[in-house]
Amino acid sequence: MREGNEKLILLTASAGAKAQALMTREKSGDFLRVAITGGGCNGLSYKMRFVPEPKRGDILVATAGVRVVVDSKSALYLKGTHLDYSSAMVAGGFKFSNPNAKASCSCGESFSV
């Protein structure tokens, strides 16, 4: 596992607080895995889940009190991404702001490069 920094992915204070609250509630792991997978309306999708430990080759980023792990392939697409959280009733939830995305869909869960 390699140490990364917030130049790879940065969580805002609200995203960090929400991730910590969910981690405590779900009790499925102490690390937040952020990954890019094929699919979605624009070709690539963001995936987030809690995991008990990093995998070999992962990059670990400590941001907003959360230990985020990213696989090296996803890191290529995530570099410079900010993750925010809004509790708004309309268009609330986690929002990715990715400087590498050329286009993204209205739901904000998929993008293309």
PDB file of N, CA and C in Angstrom:
ATOM      1  N   MET A   1       0.852  -1.174   0.000  1.00  0.00           N
ATOM      2  CA  MET A   1       0.000   0.000   0.000  1.00  0.00           C
ATOM      3  C   MET A   1       0.898   1.236   0.000  1.00  0.00           C
ATOM      4  N   ARG A   2       0.516   2.198  -0.809  1.00  0.00           N
ATOM      5  CA  ARG A   2       1.263   3.457  -0.891  1.00  0.00           C
ATOM      6  C   ARG A   2       0.472   4.570  -0.226  1.00  0.00           C
ATOM      7  N   GLU A   3       1.201   5.550   0.281  1.00  0.00           N
ATOM      8  CA  GLU A   3       0.568   6.743   0.845  1.00  0.00           C
ATOM      9  C   GLU A   3       0.320   7.730  -0.285  1.00  0.00           C
ATOM     10  N   GLY A   4      -0.885   8.231  -0.366  1.00  0.00           N
ATOM     11  CA  GLY A   4      -1.210   9.261  -1.330  1.00  0.00           C
ATOM     12  C   GLY A   4      -1.516  10.546  -0.585  1.00  0.00           C
ATOM     13  N   ASN A   5      -1.983  11.552  -1.291  1.00  0.00           N
ATOM     14  CA  ASN A   5      -2.359  12.802  -0.631  1.00  0.00           C
ATOM     15  C   ASN A   5      -3.635  13.344  -1.255  1.00  0.00           C
ATOM     16  N   GLU A   6      -4.068  14.494  -0.772  1.00  0.00           N
ATOM     17  CA  GLU A   6      -5.337  15.061  -1.220  1.00  0.00           C
ATOM     18  C   GLU A   6      -5.293  15.583  -2.646  1.00  0.00           C
ATOM     19  N   LYS A   7      -4.139  15.499  -3.324  1.00  0.00           N
ATOM     20  CA  LYS A   7      -4.090  15.834  -4.751  1.00  0.00           C
ATOM     21  C   LYS A   7      -4.758  14.727  -5.562  1.00  0.00           C
ATOM     22  N   LEU A   8      -4.862  13.539  -4.989  1.00  0.00           N
ATOM     23  CA  LEU A   8      -5.559  12.427  -5.650  1.00  0.00           C
ATOM     24  C   LEU A   8      -7.064  12.575  -5.423  1.00  0.00           C
ATOM     25  N   ILE A   9      -7.471  12.599  -4.168  1.00  0.00           N
ATOM     26  CA  ILE A   9      -8.888  12.769  -3.829  1.00  0.00           C
ATOM     27  C   ILE A   9      -8.982  13.526  -2.515  1.00  0.00           C
ATOM     28  N   LEU A  10      -9.908  14.469  -2.471  1.00  0.00           N
ATOM     29  CA  LEU A  10     -10.098  15.295  -1.289  1.00  0.00           C
ATOM     30  C   LEU A  10     -11.560  15.244  -0.897  1.00  0.00           C
ATOM     31  N   LEU A  11     -11.832  14.938   0.359  1.00  0.00           N
ATOM     32  CA  LEU A  11     -13.194  14.978   0.871  1.00  0.00           C
ATOM     33  C   LEU A  11     -13.395  16.307   1.591  1.00  0.00           C
ATOM     34  N   THR A  12     -14.526  16.946   1.348  1.00  0.00           N
ATOM     35  CA  THR A  12     -14.847  18.159   2.097  1.00  0.00           C
ATOM     36  C   THR A  12     -15.190  17.739   3.523  1.00  0.00           C
ATOM     37  N   ALA A  13     -15.263  18.711   4.415  1.00  0.00           N
ATOM     38  CA  ALA A  13     -15.606  18.421   5.810  1.00  0.00           C
ATOM     39  C   ALA A  13     -16.964  17.722   5.912  1.00  0.00           C
ATOM     40  N   SER A  14     -17.951  18.162   5.116  1.00  0.00           N
ATOM     41  CA  SER A  14     -19.280  17.540   5.179  1.00  0.00           C
ATOM     42  C   SER A  14     -19.259  16.117   4.637  1.00  0.00           C
ATOM     43  N   ALA A  15     -18.471  15.863   3.588  1.00  0.00           N
ATOM     44  CA  ALA A  15     -18.359  14.502   3.053  1.00  0.00           C
ATOM     45  C   ALA A  15     -17.656  13.598   4.063  1.00  0.00           C
ATOM     46  N   GLY A  16     -16.625  14.119   4.722  1.00  0.00           N
ATOM     47  CA  GLY A  16     -15.914  13.340   5.732  1.00  0.00           C
ATOM     48  C   GLY A  16     -16.811  12.988   6.905  1.00  0.00           C
ATOM     49  N   ALA A  17     -17.585  13.970   7.370  1.00  0.00           N
ATOM     50  CA  ALA A  17     -18.488  13.732   8.495  1.00  0.00           C
ATOM     51  C   ALA A  17     -19.550  12.696   8.146  1.00  0.00           C
ATOM     52  N   LYS A  18     -20.127  12.786   6.941  1.00  0.00           N
ATOM     53  CA  LYS A  18     -21.159  11.831   6.526  1.00  0.00           C
ATOM     54  C   LYS A  18     -20.560  10.435   6.363  1.00  0.00           C
ATOM     55  N   ALA A  19     -19.365  10.342   5.772  1.00  0.00           N
ATOM     56  CA  ALA A  19     -18.709   9.042   5.600  1.00  0.00           C
ATOM     57  C   ALA A  19     -18.424   8.409   6.959  1.00  0.00           C
ATOM     58  N   GLN A  20     -17.949   9.199   7.926  1.00  0.00           N
ATOM     59  CA  GLN A  20     -17.687   8.671   9.264  1.00  0.00           C
ATOM     60  C   GLN A  20     -18.967   8.188   9.930  1.00  0.00           C
ATOM     61  N   ALA A  21     -20.053   8.942   9.780  1.00  0.00           N
ATOM     62  CA  ALA A  21     -21.337   8.542  10.362  1.00  0.00           C
ATOM     63  C   ALA A  21     -21.832   7.239   9.741  1.00  0.00           C
ATOM     64  N   LEU A  22     -21.721   7.113   8.420  1.00  0.00           N
ATOM     65  CA  LEU A  22     -22.147   5.889   7.738  1.00  0.00           C
ATOM     66  C   LEU A  22     -21.265   4.706   8.125  1.00  0.00           C
ATOM     67  N   MET A  23     -19.968   4.953   8.260  1.00  0.00           N
ATOM     68  CA  MET A  23     -19.028   3.908   8.641  1.00  0.00           C
ATOM     69  C   MET A  23     -19.382   3.351  10.020  1.00  0.00           C
ATOM     70  N   THR A  24     -19.704   4.246  10.940  1.00  0.00           N
ATOM     71  CA  THR A  24     -20.092   3.845  12.292  1.00  0.00           C
ATOM     72  C   THR A  24     -21.392   3.047  12.259  1.00  0.00           C
ATOM     73  N   ARG A  25     -22.345   3.499  11.466  1.00  0.00           N
ATOM     74  CA  ARG A  25     -23.647   2.834  11.387  1.00  0.00           C
ATOM     75  C   ARG A  25     -23.554   1.470  10.719  1.00  0.00           C
ATOM     76  N   GLU A  26     -22.823   1.386   9.607  1.00  0.00           N
ATOM     77  CA  GLU A  26     -22.791   0.147   8.828  1.00  0.00           C
ATOM     78  C   GLU A  26     -21.834  -0.898   9.385  1.00  0.00           C
ATOM     79  N   LYS A  27     -20.787  -0.463  10.088  1.00  0.00           N
ATOM     80  CA  LYS A  27     -19.817  -1.385  10.702  1.00  0.00           C
ATOM     81  C   LYS A  27     -19.273  -2.424   9.716  1.00  0.00           C
ATOM     82  N   SER A  28     -18.998  -2.011   8.477  1.00  0.00           N
ATOM     83  CA  SER A  28     -18.490  -2.959   7.486  1.00  0.00           C
ATOM     84  C   SER A  28     -17.024  -2.720   7.146  1.00  0.00           C
ATOM     85  N   GLY A  29     -16.399  -1.744   7.784  1.00  0.00           N
ATOM     86  CA  GLY A  29     -14.980  -1.500   7.548  1.00  0.00           C
ATOM     87  C   GLY A  29     -14.579  -0.101   7.930  1.00  0.00           C
ATOM     88  N   ASP A  30     -13.282   0.082   8.148  1.00  0.00           N
ATOM     89  CA  ASP A  30     -12.743   1.373   8.579  1.00  0.00           C
ATOM     90  C   ASP A  30     -12.142   2.180   7.437  1.00  0.00           C
ATOM     91  N   PHE A  31     -12.253   1.683   6.218  1.00  0.00           N
ATOM     92  CA  PHE A  31     -11.702   2.370   5.051  1.00  0.00           C
ATOM     93  C   PHE A  31     -12.824   2.607   4.044  1.00  0.00           C
ATOM     94  N   LEU A  32     -12.788   3.754   3.385  1.00  0.00           N
ATOM     95  CA  LEU A  32     -13.734   4.054   2.312  1.00  0.00           C
ATOM     96  C   LEU A  32     -13.027   3.789   0.988  1.00  0.00           C
ATOM     97  N   ARG A  33     -13.510   2.797   0.243  1.00  0.00           N
ATOM     98  CA  ARG A  33     -12.944   2.509  -1.073  1.00  0.00           C
ATOM     99  C   ARG A  33     -13.712   3.310  -2.113  1.00  0.00           C
ATOM    100  N   VAL A  34     -12.970   4.102  -2.897  1.00  0.00           N
ATOM    101  CA  VAL A  34     -13.553   4.844  -4.012  1.00  0.00           C
ATOM    102  C   VAL A  34     -12.938   4.251  -5.274  1.00  0.00           C
ATOM    103  N   ALA A  35     -13.791   3.838  -6.193  1.00  0.00           N
ATOM    104  CA  ALA A  35     -13.305   3.184  -7.409  1.00  0.00           C
ATOM    105  C   ALA A  35     -14.081   3.687  -8.618  1.00  0.00           C
ATOM    106  N   ILE A  36     -13.482   3.465  -9.769  1.00  0.00           N
ATOM    107  CA  ILE A  36     -14.113   3.767 -11.050  1.00  0.00           C
ATOM    108  C   ILE A  36     -14.367   2.435 -11.742  1.00  0.00           C
ATOM    109  N   THR A  37     -15.586   2.251 -12.205  1.00  0.00           N
ATOM    110  CA  THR A  37     -15.915   1.026 -12.931  1.00  0.00           C
ATOM    111  C   THR A  37     -16.562   1.393 -14.258  1.00  0.00           C
ATOM    112  N   GLY A  38     -16.567   0.461 -15.180  1.00  0.00           N
ATOM    113  CA  GLY A  38     -17.246   0.658 -16.448  1.00  0.00           C
ATOM    114  C   GLY A  38     -18.742   0.630 -16.223  1.00  0.00           C
ATOM    115  N   GLY A  39     -19.475   1.431 -16.988  1.00  0.00           N
ATOM    116  CA  GLY A  39     -20.932   1.437 -16.867  1.00  0.00           C
ATOM    117  C   GLY A  39     -21.457   2.835 -16.663  1.00  0.00           C
ATOM    118  N   GLY A  40     -22.739   2.933 -16.424  1.00  0.00           N
ATOM    119  CA  GLY A  40     -23.370   4.242 -16.249  1.00  0.00           C
ATOM    120  C   GLY A  40     -23.707   4.845 -17.600  1.00  0.00           C
ATOM    121  N   CYS A  41     -24.432   5.939 -17.590  1.00  0.00           N
ATOM    122  CA  CYS A  41     -24.889   6.529 -18.849  1.00  0.00           C
ATOM    123  C   CYS A  41     -23.773   7.220 -19.630  1.00  0.00           C
ATOM    124  N   ASN A  42     -22.608   7.444 -19.009  1.00  0.00           N
ATOM    125  CA  ASN A  42     -21.503   8.084 -19.726  1.00  0.00           C
ATOM    126  C   ASN A  42     -20.271   7.197 -19.844  1.00  0.00           C
ATOM    127  N   GLY A  43     -20.379   5.927 -19.515  1.00  0.00           N
ATOM    128  CA  GLY A  43     -19.269   5.002 -19.731  1.00  0.00           C
ATOM    129  C   GLY A  43     -18.483   4.600 -18.498  1.00  0.00           C
ATOM    130  N   LEU A  44     -18.324   5.499 -17.527  1.00  0.00           N
ATOM    131  CA  LEU A  44     -17.602   5.201 -16.301  1.00  0.00           C
ATOM    132  C   LEU A  44     -18.446   5.637 -15.108  1.00  0.00           C
ATOM    133  N   SER A  45     -18.393   4.853 -14.030  1.00  0.00           N
ATOM    134  CA  SER A  45     -19.181   5.169 -12.841  1.00  0.00           C
ATOM    135  C   SER A  45     -18.316   5.197 -11.593  1.00  0.00           C
ATOM    136  N   TYR A  46     -18.722   6.007 -10.643  1.00  0.00           N
ATOM    137  CA  TYR A  46     -18.075   6.048  -9.336  1.00  0.00           C
ATOM    138  C   TYR A  46     -18.708   4.983  -8.447  1.00  0.00           C
ATOM    139  N   LYS A  47     -17.890   4.303  -7.675  1.00  0.00           N
ATOM    140  CA  LYS A  47     -18.386   3.327  -6.706  1.00  0.00           C
ATOM    141  C   LYS A  47     -17.729   3.631  -5.371  1.00  0.00           C
ATOM    142  N   MET A  48     -18.512   3.590  -4.313  1.00  0.00           N
ATOM    143  CA  MET A  48     -17.990   3.791  -2.967  1.00  0.00           C
ATOM    144  C   MET A  48     -18.531   2.685  -2.073  1.00  0.00           C
ATOM    145  N   ARG A  49     -17.651   2.165  -1.211  1.00  0.00           N
ATOM    146  CA  ARG A  49     -18.090   1.196  -0.218  1.00  0.00           C
ATOM    147  C   ARG A  49     -17.064   1.164   0.903  1.00  0.00           C
ATOM    148  N   PHE A  50     -17.491   0.671   2.037  1.00  0.00           N
ATOM    149  CA  PHE A  50     -16.581   0.543   3.167  1.00  0.00           C
ATOM    150  C   PHE A  50     -15.949  -0.835   3.130  1.00  0.00           C
ATOM    151  N   VAL A  51     -14.662  -0.888   3.417  1.00  0.00           N
ATOM    152  CA  VAL A  51     -13.927  -2.154   3.406  1.00  0.00           C
ATOM    153  C   VAL A  51     -13.116  -2.263   4.695  1.00  0.00           C
ATOM    154  N   PRO A  52     -12.878  -3.516   5.148  1.00  0.00           N
ATOM    155  CA  PRO A  52     -12.148  -3.704   6.396  1.00  0.00           C
ATOM    156  C   PRO A  52     -10.651  -3.402   6.303  1.00  0.00           C
ATOM    157  N   GLU A  53     -10.090  -3.566   5.117  1.00  0.00           N
ATOM    158  CA  GLU A  53      -8.657  -3.302   4.955  1.00  0.00           C
ATOM    159  C   GLU A  53      -8.330  -3.025   3.498  1.00  0.00           C
ATOM    160  N   PRO A  54      -7.210  -2.323   3.260  1.00  0.00           N
ATOM    161  CA  PRO A  54      -6.798  -2.055   1.879  1.00  0.00           C
ATOM    162  C   PRO A  54      -6.329  -3.328   1.186  1.00  0.00           C
ATOM    163  N   LYS A  55      -6.293  -3.287  -0.128  1.00  0.00           N
ATOM    164  CA  LYS A  55      -5.740  -4.392  -0.921  1.00  0.00           C
ATOM    165  C   LYS A  55      -4.309  -4.050  -1.311  1.00  0.00           C
ATOM    166  N   ARG A  56      -3.584  -5.048  -1.715  1.00  0.00           N
ATOM    167  CA  ARG A  56      -2.219  -4.833  -2.175  1.00  0.00           C
ATOM    168  C   ARG A  56      -2.228  -3.888  -3.386  1.00  0.00           C
ATOM    169  N   GLY A  57      -1.363  -2.894  -3.385  1.00  0.00           N
ATOM    170  CA  GLY A  57      -1.286  -1.952  -4.494  1.00  0.00           C
ATOM    171  C   GLY A  57      -2.185  -0.743  -4.347  1.00  0.00           C
ATOM    172  N   ASP A  58      -3.024  -0.724  -3.301  1.00  0.00           N
ATOM    173  CA  ASP A  58      -3.907   0.430  -3.078  1.00  0.00           C
ATOM    174  C   ASP A  58      -3.115   1.659  -2.685  1.00  0.00           C
ATOM    175  N   ILE A  59      -3.720   2.804  -2.929  1.00  0.00           N
ATOM    176  CA  ILE A  59      -3.182   4.081  -2.493  1.00  0.00           C
ATOM    177  C   ILE A  59      -4.079   4.563  -1.351  1.00  0.00           C
ATOM    178  N   LEU A  60      -3.468   4.912  -0.227  1.00  0.00           N
ATOM    179  CA  LEU A  60      -4.201   5.372   0.943  1.00  0.00           C
ATOM    180  C   LEU A  60      -4.106   6.890   1.048  1.00  0.00           C
ATOM    181  N   VAL A  61      -5.260   7.535   1.155  1.00  0.00           N
ATOM    182  CA  VAL A  61      -5.310   8.990   1.324  1.00  0.00           C
ATOM    183  C   VAL A  61      -6.104   9.285   2.594  1.00  0.00           C
ATOM    184  N   ALA A  62      -5.479   9.997   3.518  1.00  0.00           N
ATOM    185  CA  ALA A  62      -6.180  10.457   4.726  1.00  0.00           C
ATOM    186  C   ALA A  62      -6.708  11.850   4.435  1.00  0.00           C
ATOM    187  N   THR A  63      -8.022  12.013   4.464  1.00  0.00           N
ATOM    188  CA  THR A  63      -8.648  13.291   4.132  1.00  0.00           C
ATOM    189  C   THR A  63      -9.929  13.459   4.947  1.00  0.00           C
ATOM    190  N   ALA A  64     -10.106  14.606   5.552  1.00  0.00           N
ATOM    191  CA  ALA A  64     -11.308  14.934   6.338  1.00  0.00           C
ATOM    192  C   ALA A  64     -11.610  13.872   7.392  1.00  0.00           C
ATOM    193  N   GLY A  65     -10.565  13.305   7.988  1.00  0.00           N
ATOM    194  CA  GLY A  65     -10.752  12.313   9.039  1.00  0.00           C
ATOM    195  C   GLY A  65     -11.123  10.927   8.549  1.00  0.00           C
ATOM    196  N   VAL A  66     -11.063  10.700   7.241  1.00  0.00           N
ATOM    197  CA  VAL A  66     -11.432   9.414   6.650  1.00  0.00           C
ATOM    198  C   VAL A  66     -10.220   8.826   5.938  1.00  0.00           C
ATOM    199  N   ARG A  67     -10.046   7.520   6.091  1.00  0.00           N
ATOM    200  CA  ARG A  67      -8.990   6.836   5.349  1.00  0.00           C
ATOM    201  C   ARG A  67      -9.614   6.277   4.066  1.00  0.00           C
ATOM    202  N   VAL A  68      -9.230   6.890   2.949  1.00  0.00           N
ATOM    203  CA  VAL A  68      -9.771   6.520   1.638  1.00  0.00           C
ATOM    204  C   VAL A  68      -8.748   5.653   0.924  1.00  0.00           C
ATOM    205  N   VAL A  69      -9.201   4.532   0.340  1.00  0.00           N
ATOM    206  CA  VAL A  69      -8.309   3.699  -0.456  1.00  0.00           C
ATOM    207  C   VAL A  69      -8.787   3.685  -1.899  1.00  0.00           C
ATOM    208  N   VAL A  70      -7.801   3.762  -2.801  1.00  0.00           N
ATOM    209  CA  VAL A  70      -8.070   3.816  -4.234  1.00  0.00           C
ATOM    210  C   VAL A  70      -7.122   2.845  -4.922  1.00  0.00           C
ATOM    211  N   ASP A  71      -7.631   2.020  -5.832  1.00  0.00           N
ATOM    212  CA  ASP A  71      -6.746   1.146  -6.593  1.00  0.00           C
ATOM    213  C   ASP A  71      -6.009   1.982  -7.636  1.00  0.00           C
ATOM    214  N   SER A  72      -4.868   1.486  -8.096  1.00  0.00           N
ATOM    215  CA  SER A  72      -4.018   2.288  -8.982  1.00  0.00           C
ATOM    216  C   SER A  72      -4.688   2.604 -10.316  1.00  0.00           C
ATOM    217  N   LYS A  73      -5.535   1.728 -10.825  1.00  0.00           N
ATOM    218  CA  LYS A  73      -6.231   1.994 -12.093  1.00  0.00           C
ATOM    219  C   LYS A  73      -7.249   3.129 -11.921  1.00  0.00           C
ATOM    220  N   SER A  74      -8.019   3.090 -10.840  1.00  0.00           N
ATOM    221  CA  SER A  74      -8.998   4.142 -10.580  1.00  0.00           C
ATOM    222  C   SER A  74      -8.312   5.478 -10.322  1.00  0.00           C
ATOM    223  N   ALA A  75      -7.116   5.433  -9.734  1.00  0.00           N
ATOM    224  CA  ALA A  75      -6.382   6.665  -9.414  1.00  0.00           C
ATOM    225  C   ALA A  75      -6.126   7.502 -10.663  1.00  0.00           C
ATOM    226  N   LEU A  76      -5.934   6.848 -11.800  1.00  0.00           N
ATOM    227  CA  LEU A  76      -5.696   7.572 -13.052  1.00  0.00           C
ATOM    228  C   LEU A  76      -6.875   8.469 -13.411  1.00  0.00           C
ATOM    229  N   TYR A  77      -8.087   8.009 -13.119  1.00  0.00           N
ATOM    230  CA  TYR A  77      -9.297   8.761 -13.452  1.00  0.00           C
ATOM    231  C   TYR A  77      -9.708   9.730 -12.339  1.00  0.00           C
ATOM    232  N   LEU A  78      -9.265   9.456 -11.108  1.00  0.00           N
ATOM    233  CA  LEU A  78      -9.704  10.246  -9.961  1.00  0.00           C
ATOM    234  C   LEU A  78      -8.821  11.436  -9.637  1.00  0.00           C
ATOM    235  N   LYS A  79      -7.625  11.488 -10.165  1.00  0.00           N
ATOM    236  CA  LYS A  79      -6.650  12.510  -9.765  1.00  0.00           C
ATOM    237  C   LYS A  79      -7.262  13.912  -9.762  1.00  0.00           C
ATOM    238  N   GLY A  80      -7.207  14.567  -8.599  1.00  0.00           N
ATOM    239  CA  GLY A  80      -7.734  15.916  -8.467  1.00  0.00           C
ATOM    240  C   GLY A  80      -9.210  15.996  -8.119  1.00  0.00           C
ATOM    241  N   THR A  81      -9.846  14.856  -7.859  1.00  0.00           N
ATOM    242  CA  THR A  81     -11.279  14.820  -7.577  1.00  0.00           C
ATOM    243  C   THR A  81     -11.591  15.311  -6.167  1.00  0.00           C
ATOM    244  N   HIS A  82     -12.657  16.085  -6.056  1.00  0.00           N
ATOM    245  CA  HIS A  82     -13.177  16.516  -4.761  1.00  0.00           C
ATOM    246  C   HIS A  82     -14.509  15.810  -4.547  1.00  0.00           C
ATOM    247  N   LEU A  83     -14.725  15.312  -3.341  1.00  0.00           N
ATOM    248  CA  LEU A  83     -15.981  14.656  -2.995  1.00  0.00           C
ATOM    249  C   LEU A  83     -16.665  15.492  -1.923  1.00  0.00           C
ATOM    250  N   ASP A  84     -17.874  15.924  -2.216  1.00  0.00           N
ATOM    251  CA  ASP A  84     -18.639  16.753  -1.291  1.00  0.00           C
ATOM    252  C   ASP A  84     -19.907  16.004  -0.911  1.00  0.00           C
ATOM    253  N   TYR A  85     -20.566  16.483   0.125  1.00  0.00           N
ATOM    254  CA  TYR A  85     -21.838  15.895   0.538  1.00  0.00           C
ATOM    255  C   TYR A  85     -22.816  17.018   0.858  1.00  0.00           C
ATOM    256  N   SER A  86     -24.039  16.862   0.387  1.00  0.00           N
ATOM    257  CA  SER A  86     -25.102  17.817   0.685  1.00  0.00           C
ATOM    258  C   SER A  86     -26.305  17.052   1.226  1.00  0.00           C
ATOM    259  N   SER A  87     -26.914  17.585   2.271  1.00  0.00           N
ATOM    260  CA  SER A  87     -28.100  16.934   2.836  1.00  0.00           C
ATOM    261  C   SER A  87     -29.391  17.498   2.252  1.00  0.00           C
ATOM    262  N   ALA A  88     -29.281  18.264   1.173  1.00  0.00           N
ATOM    263  CA  ALA A  88     -30.467  18.853   0.543  1.00  0.00           C
ATOM    264  C   ALA A  88     -31.442  17.771   0.084  1.00  0.00           C
ATOM    265  N   MET A  89     -32.727  18.076   0.181  1.00  0.00           N
ATOM    266  CA  MET A  89     -33.764  17.116  -0.234  1.00  0.00           C
ATOM    267  C   MET A  89     -33.701  16.842  -1.734  1.00  0.00           C
ATOM    268  N   VAL A  90     -33.444  17.879  -2.518  1.00  0.00           N
ATOM    269  CA  VAL A  90     -33.349  17.724  -3.963  1.00  0.00           C
ATOM    270  C   VAL A  90     -31.884  17.834  -4.353  1.00  0.00           C
ATOM    271  N   ALA A  91     -31.399  16.885  -5.113  1.00  0.00           N
ATOM    272  CA  ALA A  91     -30.024  16.850  -5.598  1.00  0.00           C
ATOM    273  C   ALA A  91     -29.011  16.769  -4.447  1.00  0.00           C
ATOM    274  N   GLY A  92     -29.407  16.146  -3.342  1.00  0.00           N
ATOM    275  CA  GLY A  92     -28.501  15.962  -2.210  1.00  0.00           C
ATOM    276  C   GLY A  92     -27.685  14.694  -2.377  1.00  0.00           C
ATOM    277  N   GLY A  93     -26.856  14.414  -1.393  1.00  0.00           N
ATOM    278  CA  GLY A  93     -26.029  13.215  -1.403  1.00  0.00           C
ATOM    279  C   GLY A  93     -24.581  13.537  -1.718  1.00  0.00           C
ATOM    280  N   PHE A  94     -23.806  12.494  -1.989  1.00  0.00           N
ATOM    281  CA  PHE A  94     -22.399  12.678  -2.326  1.00  0.00           C
ATOM    282  C   PHE A  94     -22.278  13.170  -3.764  1.00  0.00           C
ATOM    283  N   LYS A  95     -21.392  14.125  -3.975  1.00  0.00           N
ATOM    284  CA  LYS A  95     -21.174  14.687  -5.313  1.00  0.00           C
ATOM    285  C   LYS A  95     -19.688  14.696  -5.629  1.00  0.00           C
ATOM    286  N   PHE A  96     -19.352  14.119  -6.767  1.00  0.00           N
ATOM    287  CA  PHE A  96     -17.971  14.097  -7.237  1.00  0.00           C
ATOM    288  C   PHE A  96     -17.724  15.292  -8.145  1.00  0.00           C
ATOM    289  N   SER A  97     -16.619  15.971  -7.931  1.00  0.00           N
ATOM    290  CA  SER A  97     -16.182  17.040  -8.818  1.00  0.00           C
ATOM    291  C   SER A  97     -14.834  16.597  -9.366  1.00  0.00           C
ATOM    292  N   ASN A  98     -14.849  16.100 -10.607  1.00  0.00           N
ATOM    293  CA  ASN A  98     -13.678  15.459 -11.201  1.00  0.00           C
ATOM    294  C   ASN A  98     -13.161  16.290 -12.374  1.00  0.00           C
ATOM    295  N   PRO A  99     -11.936  16.839 -12.263  1.00  0.00           N
ATOM    296  CA  PRO A  99     -11.393  17.667 -13.345  1.00  0.00           C
ATOM    297  C   PRO A  99     -11.058  16.871 -14.611  1.00  0.00           C
ATOM    298  N   ASN A 100     -11.013  15.537 -14.509  1.00  0.00           N
ATOM    299  CA  ASN A 100     -10.693  14.690 -15.658  1.00  0.00           C
ATOM    300  C   ASN A 100     -11.913  14.376 -16.514  1.00  0.00           C
ATOM    301  N   ALA A 101     -13.113  14.597 -15.972  1.00  0.00           N
ATOM    302  CA  ALA A 101     -14.338  14.247 -16.689  1.00  0.00           C
ATOM    303  C   ALA A 101     -14.612  15.255 -17.797  1.00  0.00           C
ATOM    304  N   LYS A 102     -14.764  14.768 -19.010  1.00  0.00           N
ATOM    305  CA  LYS A 102     -15.105  15.621 -20.148  1.00  0.00           C
ATOM    306  C   LYS A 102     -16.611  15.849 -20.199  1.00  0.00           C
ATOM    307  N   ALA A 103     -17.362  14.855 -19.755  1.00  0.00           N
ATOM    308  CA  ALA A 103     -18.820  14.954 -19.714  1.00  0.00           C
ATOM    309  C   ALA A 103     -19.307  14.125 -18.546  1.00  0.00           C
ATOM    310  N   SER A 104     -20.389  14.553 -17.934  1.00  0.00           N
ATOM    311  CA  SER A 104     -20.988  13.756 -16.873  1.00  0.00           C
ATOM    312  C   SER A 104     -22.496  13.823 -17.023  1.00  0.00           C
ATOM    313  N   CYS A 105     -23.161  12.866 -16.416  1.00  0.00           N
ATOM    314  CA  CYS A 105     -24.617  12.832 -16.555  1.00  0.00           C
ATOM    315  C   CYS A 105     -25.252  13.685 -15.463  1.00  0.00           C
ATOM    316  N   SER A 106     -26.514  13.917 -15.585  1.00  0.00           N
ATOM    317  CA  SER A 106     -27.211  14.777 -14.628  1.00  0.00           C
ATOM    318  C   SER A 106     -27.259  14.172 -13.234  1.00  0.00           C
ATOM    319  N   CYS A 107     -27.195  12.840 -13.124  1.00  0.00           N
ATOM    320  CA  CYS A 107     -27.230  12.232 -11.794  1.00  0.00           C
ATOM    321  C   CYS A 107     -25.903  12.374 -11.086  1.00  0.00           C
ATOM    322  N   GLY A 108     -24.825  12.679 -11.825  1.00  0.00           N
ATOM    323  CA  GLY A 108     -23.524  12.879 -11.218  1.00  0.00           C
ATOM    324  C   GLY A 108     -22.797  11.616 -10.827  1.00  0.00           C
ATOM    325  N   GLU A 109     -23.352  10.461 -11.226  1.00  0.00           N
ATOM    326  CA  GLU A 109     -22.741   9.196 -10.834  1.00  0.00           C
ATOM    327  C   GLU A 109     -21.928   8.562 -11.950  1.00  0.00           C
ATOM    328  N   SER A 110     -21.965   9.123 -13.150  1.00  0.00           N
ATOM    329  CA  SER A 110     -21.159   8.580 -14.223  1.00  0.00           C
ATOM    330  C   SER A 110     -20.547   9.717 -15.021  1.00  0.00           C
ATOM    331  N   PHE A 111     -19.481   9.388 -15.747  1.00  0.00           N
ATOM    332  CA  PHE A 111     -18.768  10.412 -16.511  1.00  0.00           C
ATOM    333  C   PHE A 111     -18.003   9.757 -17.649  1.00  0.00           C
ATOM    334  N   SER A 112     -17.448  10.570 -18.528  1.00  0.00           N
ATOM    335  CA  SER A 112     -16.584  10.074 -19.592  1.00  0.00           C
ATOM    336  C   SER A 112     -15.332  10.938 -19.635  1.00  0.00           C
ATOM    337  N   VAL A 113     -14.259  10.367 -20.176  1.00  0.00           N
ATOM    338  CA  VAL A 113     -12.989  11.108 -20.266  1.00  0.00           C
ATOM    339  C   VAL A 113     -12.579  11.268 -21.713  1.00  0.00           C
TER     340      VAL A 113
END
